[in-house]
PDB file of N, CA and C in Angstrom:
ATOM      1  N   MET A   1      14.634 -30.824 -21.537  1.00  0.00           N
ATOM      2  CA  MET A   1      14.191 -30.213 -20.301  1.00  0.00           C
ATOM      3  C   MET A   1      13.638 -31.233 -19.319  1.00  0.00           C
ATOM      4  N   THR A   2      13.710 -32.460 -19.662  1.00  0.00           N
ATOM      5  CA  THR A   2      13.227 -33.461 -18.726  1.00  0.00           C
ATOM      6  C   THR A   2      14.192 -33.585 -17.570  1.00  0.00           C
ATOM      7  N   GLY A   3      13.653 -33.774 -16.412  1.00  0.00           N
ATOM      8  CA  GLY A   3      14.472 -33.927 -15.230  1.00  0.00           C
ATOM      9  C   GLY A   3      14.877 -32.615 -14.563  1.00  0.00           C
ATOM     10  N   GLN A   4      14.570 -31.487 -15.179  1.00  0.00           N
ATOM     11  CA  GLN A   4      14.916 -30.198 -14.583  1.00  0.00           C
ATOM     12  C   GLN A   4      13.703 -29.631 -13.860  1.00  0.00           C
ATOM     13  N   LYS A   5      13.960 -29.057 -12.726  1.00  0.00           N
ATOM     14  CA  LYS A   5      12.888 -28.419 -11.975  1.00  0.00           C
ATOM     15  C   LYS A   5      12.780 -26.969 -12.387  1.00  0.00           C
ATOM     16  N   LYS A   6      11.573 -26.505 -12.524  1.00  0.00           N
ATOM     17  CA  LYS A   6      11.348 -25.109 -12.867  1.00  0.00           C
ATOM     18  C   LYS A   6      11.492 -24.273 -11.601  1.00  0.00           C
ATOM     19  N   ARG A   7      12.288 -23.250 -11.692  1.00  0.00           N
ATOM     20  CA  ARG A   7      12.492 -22.368 -10.541  1.00  0.00           C
ATOM     21  C   ARG A   7      11.351 -21.372 -10.476  1.00  0.00           C
ATOM     22  N   THR A   8      10.792 -21.263  -9.335  1.00  0.00           N
ATOM     23  CA  THR A   8       9.738 -20.272  -9.142  1.00  0.00           C
ATOM     24  C   THR A   8      10.227 -19.220  -8.172  1.00  0.00           C
ATOM     25  N   LYS A   9       9.842 -18.025  -8.428  1.00  0.00           N
ATOM     26  CA  LYS A   9      10.239 -16.907  -7.585  1.00  0.00           C
ATOM     27  C   LYS A   9       9.202 -16.749  -6.479  1.00  0.00           C
ATOM     28  N   SER A  10       9.657 -16.770  -5.254  1.00  0.00           N
ATOM     29  CA  SER A  10       8.726 -16.593  -4.147  1.00  0.00           C
ATOM     30  C   SER A  10       8.563 -15.108  -3.851  1.00  0.00           C
ATOM     31  N   ARG A  11       7.366 -14.740  -3.511  1.00  0.00           N
ATOM     32  CA  ARG A  11       7.086 -13.348  -3.168  1.00  0.00           C
ATOM     33  C   ARG A  11       6.731 -13.261  -1.698  1.00  0.00           C
ATOM     34  N   ASN A  12       7.328 -12.299  -1.060  1.00  0.00           N
ATOM     35  CA  ASN A  12       6.971 -12.044   0.332  1.00  0.00           C
ATOM     36  C   ASN A  12       5.824 -11.051   0.348  1.00  0.00           C
ATOM     37  N   ARG A  13       4.834 -11.360   1.097  1.00  0.00           N
ATOM     38  CA  ARG A  13       3.723 -10.435   1.299  1.00  0.00           C
ATOM     39  C   ARG A  13       3.795  -9.990   2.754  1.00  0.00           C
ATOM     40  N   TYR A  14       3.745  -8.706   2.937  1.00  0.00           N
ATOM     41  CA  TYR A  14       3.883  -8.169   4.283  1.00  0.00           C
ATOM     42  C   TYR A  14       2.537  -7.667   4.785  1.00  0.00           C
ATOM     43  N   PRO A  15       2.267  -7.866   6.063  1.00  0.00           N
ATOM     44  CA  PRO A  15       0.999  -7.412   6.641  1.00  0.00           C
ATOM     45  C   PRO A  15       0.844  -5.890   6.546  1.00  0.00           C
ATOM     46  N   GLU A  16      -0.375  -5.448   6.468  1.00  0.00           N
ATOM     47  CA  GLU A  16      -0.675  -4.026   6.343  1.00  0.00           C
ATOM     48  C   GLU A  16      -0.086  -3.216   7.494  1.00  0.00           C
ATOM     49  N   GLY A  17      -0.181  -3.732   8.704  1.00  0.00           N
ATOM     50  CA  GLY A  17       0.362  -3.026   9.864  1.00  0.00           C
ATOM     51  C   GLY A  17       1.873  -2.850   9.779  1.00  0.00           C
ATOM     52  N   PHE A  18       2.551  -3.843   9.253  1.00  0.00           N
ATOM     53  CA  PHE A  18       4.006  -3.780   9.071  1.00  0.00           C
ATOM     54  C   PHE A  18       4.363  -2.679   8.083  1.00  0.00           C
ATOM     55  N   LYS A  19       3.613  -2.606   6.978  1.00  0.00           N
ATOM     56  CA  LYS A  19       3.854  -1.578   5.966  1.00  0.00           C
ATOM     57  C   LYS A  19       3.620  -0.183   6.537  1.00  0.00           C
ATOM     58  N   ARG A  20       2.545  -0.043   7.294  1.00  0.00           N
ATOM     59  CA  ARG A  20       2.240   1.265   7.888  1.00  0.00           C
ATOM     60  C   ARG A  20       3.323   1.694   8.879  1.00  0.00           C
ATOM     61  N   LYS A  21       3.836   0.732   9.633  1.00  0.00           N
ATOM     62  CA  LYS A  21       4.892   1.033  10.606  1.00  0.00           C
ATOM     63  C   LYS A  21       6.131   1.579   9.896  1.00  0.00           C
ATOM     64  N   ILE A  22       6.534   0.927   8.813  1.00  0.00           N
ATOM     65  CA  ILE A  22       7.705   1.375   8.067  1.00  0.00           C
ATOM     66  C   ILE A  22       7.461   2.758   7.473  1.00  0.00           C
ATOM     67  N   ALA A  23       6.279   2.957   6.899  1.00  0.00           N
ATOM     68  CA  ALA A  23       5.958   4.258   6.307  1.00  0.00           C
ATOM     69  C   ALA A  23       5.981   5.353   7.364  1.00  0.00           C
ATOM     70  N   LYS A  24       5.435   5.064   8.538  1.00  0.00           N
ATOM     71  CA  LYS A  24       5.406   6.052   9.627  1.00  0.00           C
ATOM     72  C   LYS A  24       6.825   6.400  10.078  1.00  0.00           C
ATOM     73  N   GLU A  25       7.687   5.408  10.160  1.00  0.00           N
ATOM     74  CA  GLU A  25       9.074   5.654  10.556  1.00  0.00           C
ATOM     75  C   GLU A  25       9.790   6.521   9.518  1.00  0.00           C
ATOM     76  N   TYR A  26       9.533   6.249   8.249  1.00  0.00           N
ATOM     77  CA  TYR A  26      10.181   7.045   7.207  1.00  0.00           C
ATOM     78  C   TYR A  26       9.664   8.483   7.223  1.00  0.00           C
ATOM     79  N   LEU A  27       8.355   8.654   7.341  1.00  0.00           N
ATOM     80  CA  LEU A  27       7.772   9.996   7.333  1.00  0.00           C
ATOM     81  C   LEU A  27       8.199  10.825   8.537  1.00  0.00           C
ATOM     82  N   SER A  28       8.550  10.168   9.633  1.00  0.00           N
ATOM     83  CA  SER A  28       9.006  10.891  10.815  1.00  0.00           C
ATOM     84  C   SER A  28      10.437  11.414  10.636  1.00  0.00           C
ATOM     85  N   GLY A  29      11.076  11.006   9.536  1.00  0.00           N
ATOM     86  CA  GLY A  29      12.448  11.453   9.290  1.00  0.00           C
ATOM     87  C   GLY A  29      13.478  10.654  10.056  1.00  0.00           C
ATOM     88  N   GLN A  30      13.048   9.542  10.590  1.00  0.00           N
ATOM     89  CA  GLN A  30      13.916   8.728  11.435  1.00  0.00           C
ATOM     90  C   GLN A  30      15.102   8.150  10.666  1.00  0.00           C
ATOM     91  N   ASP A  31      14.838   7.552   9.500  1.00  0.00           N
ATOM     92  CA  ASP A  31      15.909   6.895   8.754  1.00  0.00           C
ATOM     93  C   ASP A  31      15.651   6.960   7.253  1.00  0.00           C
ATOM     94  N   SER A  32      16.659   6.559   6.488  1.00  0.00           N
ATOM     95  CA  SER A  32      16.536   6.497   5.029  1.00  0.00           C
ATOM     96  C   SER A  32      15.884   5.177   4.614  1.00  0.00           C
ATOM     97  N   TYR A  33      15.541   5.080   3.326  1.00  0.00           N
ATOM     98  CA  TYR A  33      14.973   3.841   2.790  1.00  0.00           C
ATOM     99  C   TYR A  33      15.874   2.654   3.101  1.00  0.00           C
ATOM    100  N   ALA A  34      17.159   2.817   2.800  1.00  0.00           N
ATOM    101  CA  ALA A  34      18.102   1.706   2.949  1.00  0.00           C
ATOM    102  C   ALA A  34      18.223   1.257   4.405  1.00  0.00           C
ATOM    103  N   VAL A  35      18.294   2.199   5.310  1.00  0.00           N
ATOM    104  CA  VAL A  35      18.433   1.864   6.733  1.00  0.00           C
ATOM    105  C   VAL A  35      17.172   1.155   7.232  1.00  0.00           C
ATOM    106  N   LEU A  36      16.007   1.654   6.861  1.00  0.00           N
ATOM    107  CA  LEU A  36      14.758   1.017   7.289  1.00  0.00           C
ATOM    108  C   LEU A  36      14.642  -0.392   6.724  1.00  0.00           C
ATOM    109  N   ALA A  37      15.014  -0.557   5.466  1.00  0.00           N
ATOM    110  CA  ALA A  37      14.949  -1.887   4.852  1.00  0.00           C
ATOM    111  C   ALA A  37      15.853  -2.865   5.600  1.00  0.00           C
ATOM    112  N   GLU A  38      17.044  -2.417   5.931  1.00  0.00           N
ATOM    113  CA  GLU A  38      17.977  -3.290   6.647  1.00  0.00           C
ATOM    114  C   GLU A  38      17.472  -3.604   8.051  1.00  0.00           C
ATOM    115  N   GLU A  39      16.975  -2.602   8.747  1.00  0.00           N
ATOM    116  CA  GLU A  39      16.485  -2.812  10.119  1.00  0.00           C
ATOM    117  C   GLU A  39      15.314  -3.781  10.180  1.00  0.00           C
ATOM    118  N   HIS A  40      14.473  -3.761   9.160  1.00  0.00           N
ATOM    119  CA  HIS A  40      13.276  -4.598   9.170  1.00  0.00           C
ATOM    120  C   HIS A  40      13.446  -5.896   8.388  1.00  0.00           C
ATOM    121  N   GLY A  41      14.667  -6.156   7.908  1.00  0.00           N
ATOM    122  CA  GLY A  41      14.946  -7.415   7.244  1.00  0.00           C
ATOM    123  C   GLY A  41      14.371  -7.534   5.839  1.00  0.00           C
ATOM    124  N   LEU A  42      14.170  -6.406   5.173  1.00  0.00           N
ATOM    125  CA  LEU A  42      13.664  -6.438   3.800  1.00  0.00           C
ATOM    126  C   LEU A  42      14.817  -6.698   2.852  1.00  0.00           C
ATOM    127  N   LYS A  43      14.597  -7.560   1.870  1.00  0.00           N
ATOM    128  CA  LYS A  43      15.657  -7.896   0.923  1.00  0.00           C
ATOM    129  C   LYS A  43      15.916  -6.758  -0.054  1.00  0.00           C
ATOM    130  N   ASN A  44      14.903  -5.980  -0.321  1.00  0.00           N
ATOM    131  CA  ASN A  44      14.992  -4.944  -1.344  1.00  0.00           C
ATOM    132  C   ASN A  44      14.621  -3.598  -0.736  1.00  0.00           C
ATOM    133  N   LYS A  45      15.535  -2.638  -0.788  1.00  0.00           N
ATOM    134  CA  LYS A  45      15.220  -1.338  -0.197  1.00  0.00           C
ATOM    135  C   LYS A  45      14.146  -0.597  -0.989  1.00  0.00           C
ATOM    136  N   GLY A  46      13.864  -1.025  -2.208  1.00  0.00           N
ATOM    137  CA  GLY A  46      12.795  -0.434  -3.008  1.00  0.00           C
ATOM    138  C   GLY A  46      11.407  -0.731  -2.462  1.00  0.00           C
ATOM    139  N   LEU A  47      11.320  -1.653  -1.516  1.00  0.00           N
ATOM    140  CA  LEU A  47      10.029  -1.956  -0.904  1.00  0.00           C
ATOM    141  C   LEU A  47       9.563  -0.835   0.015  1.00  0.00           C
ATOM    142  N   VAL A  48      10.503  -0.076   0.546  1.00  0.00           N
ATOM    143  CA  VAL A  48      10.124   0.997   1.470  1.00  0.00           C
ATOM    144  C   VAL A  48       9.303   2.070   0.764  1.00  0.00           C
ATOM    145  N   PRO A  49       9.718   2.588  -0.399  1.00  0.00           N
ATOM    146  CA  PRO A  49       8.885   3.587  -1.065  1.00  0.00           C
ATOM    147  C   PRO A  49       7.523   3.032  -1.485  1.00  0.00           C
ATOM    148  N   SER A  50       7.485   1.748  -1.846  1.00  0.00           N
ATOM    149  CA  SER A  50       6.194   1.191  -2.242  1.00  0.00           C
ATOM    150  C   SER A  50       5.262   1.066  -1.043  1.00  0.00           C
ATOM    151  N   THR A  51       5.799   0.742   0.143  1.00  0.00           N
ATOM    152  CA  THR A  51       4.949   0.701   1.332  1.00  0.00           C
ATOM    153  C   THR A  51       4.485   2.108   1.683  1.00  0.00           C
ATOM    154  N   LEU A  52       5.345   3.072   1.459  1.00  0.00           N
ATOM    155  CA  LEU A  52       4.994   4.463   1.712  1.00  0.00           C
ATOM    156  C   LEU A  52       3.853   4.897   0.794  1.00  0.00           C
ATOM    157  N   TYR A  53       3.956   4.556  -0.475  1.00  0.00           N
ATOM    158  CA  TYR A  53       2.927   4.909  -1.450  1.00  0.00           C
ATOM    159  C   TYR A  53       1.582   4.304  -1.066  1.00  0.00           C
ATOM    160  N   PHE A  54       1.574   3.015  -0.782  1.00  0.00           N
ATOM    161  CA  PHE A  54       0.309   2.347  -0.465  1.00  0.00           C
ATOM    162  C   PHE A  54      -0.282   2.809   0.852  1.00  0.00           C
ATOM    163  N   SER A  55       0.549   3.117   1.820  1.00  0.00           N
ATOM    164  CA  SER A  55       0.014   3.557   3.115  1.00  0.00           C
ATOM    165  C   SER A  55      -0.568   4.963   3.030  1.00  0.00           C
ATOM    166  N   THR A  56      -0.039   5.800   2.140  1.00  0.00           N
ATOM    167  CA  THR A  56      -0.566   7.165   2.008  1.00  0.00           C
ATOM    168  C   THR A  56      -1.767   7.236   1.070  1.00  0.00           C
ATOM    169  N   GLN A  57      -2.043   6.149   0.349  1.00  0.00           N
ATOM    170  CA  GLN A  57      -3.184   6.121  -0.558  1.00  0.00           C
ATOM    171  C   GLN A  57      -4.445   5.610   0.155  1.00  0.00           C
ATOM    172  N   GLY A  58      -4.333   5.350   1.449  1.00  0.00           N
ATOM    173  CA  GLY A  58      -5.495   4.934   2.225  1.00  0.00           C
ATOM    174  C   GLY A  58      -5.839   3.466   2.076  1.00  0.00           C
ATOM    175  N   ARG A  59      -4.898   2.656   1.668  1.00  0.00           N
ATOM    176  CA  ARG A  59      -5.157   1.217   1.543  1.00  0.00           C
ATOM    177  C   ARG A  59      -4.817   0.498   2.802  1.00  0.00           C
TER     178      ARG A  59
END
């Protein structure tokens, strides 16, 4: 294993206001998870439900 670089996975952290904006757009019925993820440049459409969960929990 000498000479090999260890790959690290980078995590994107999104600002609270950004998460709330996405959650508000979804709750308004504007678009689906996939469409919102694509519009906002999210790599994973599964991030939309998680932002929705955290924004509705008062965080």
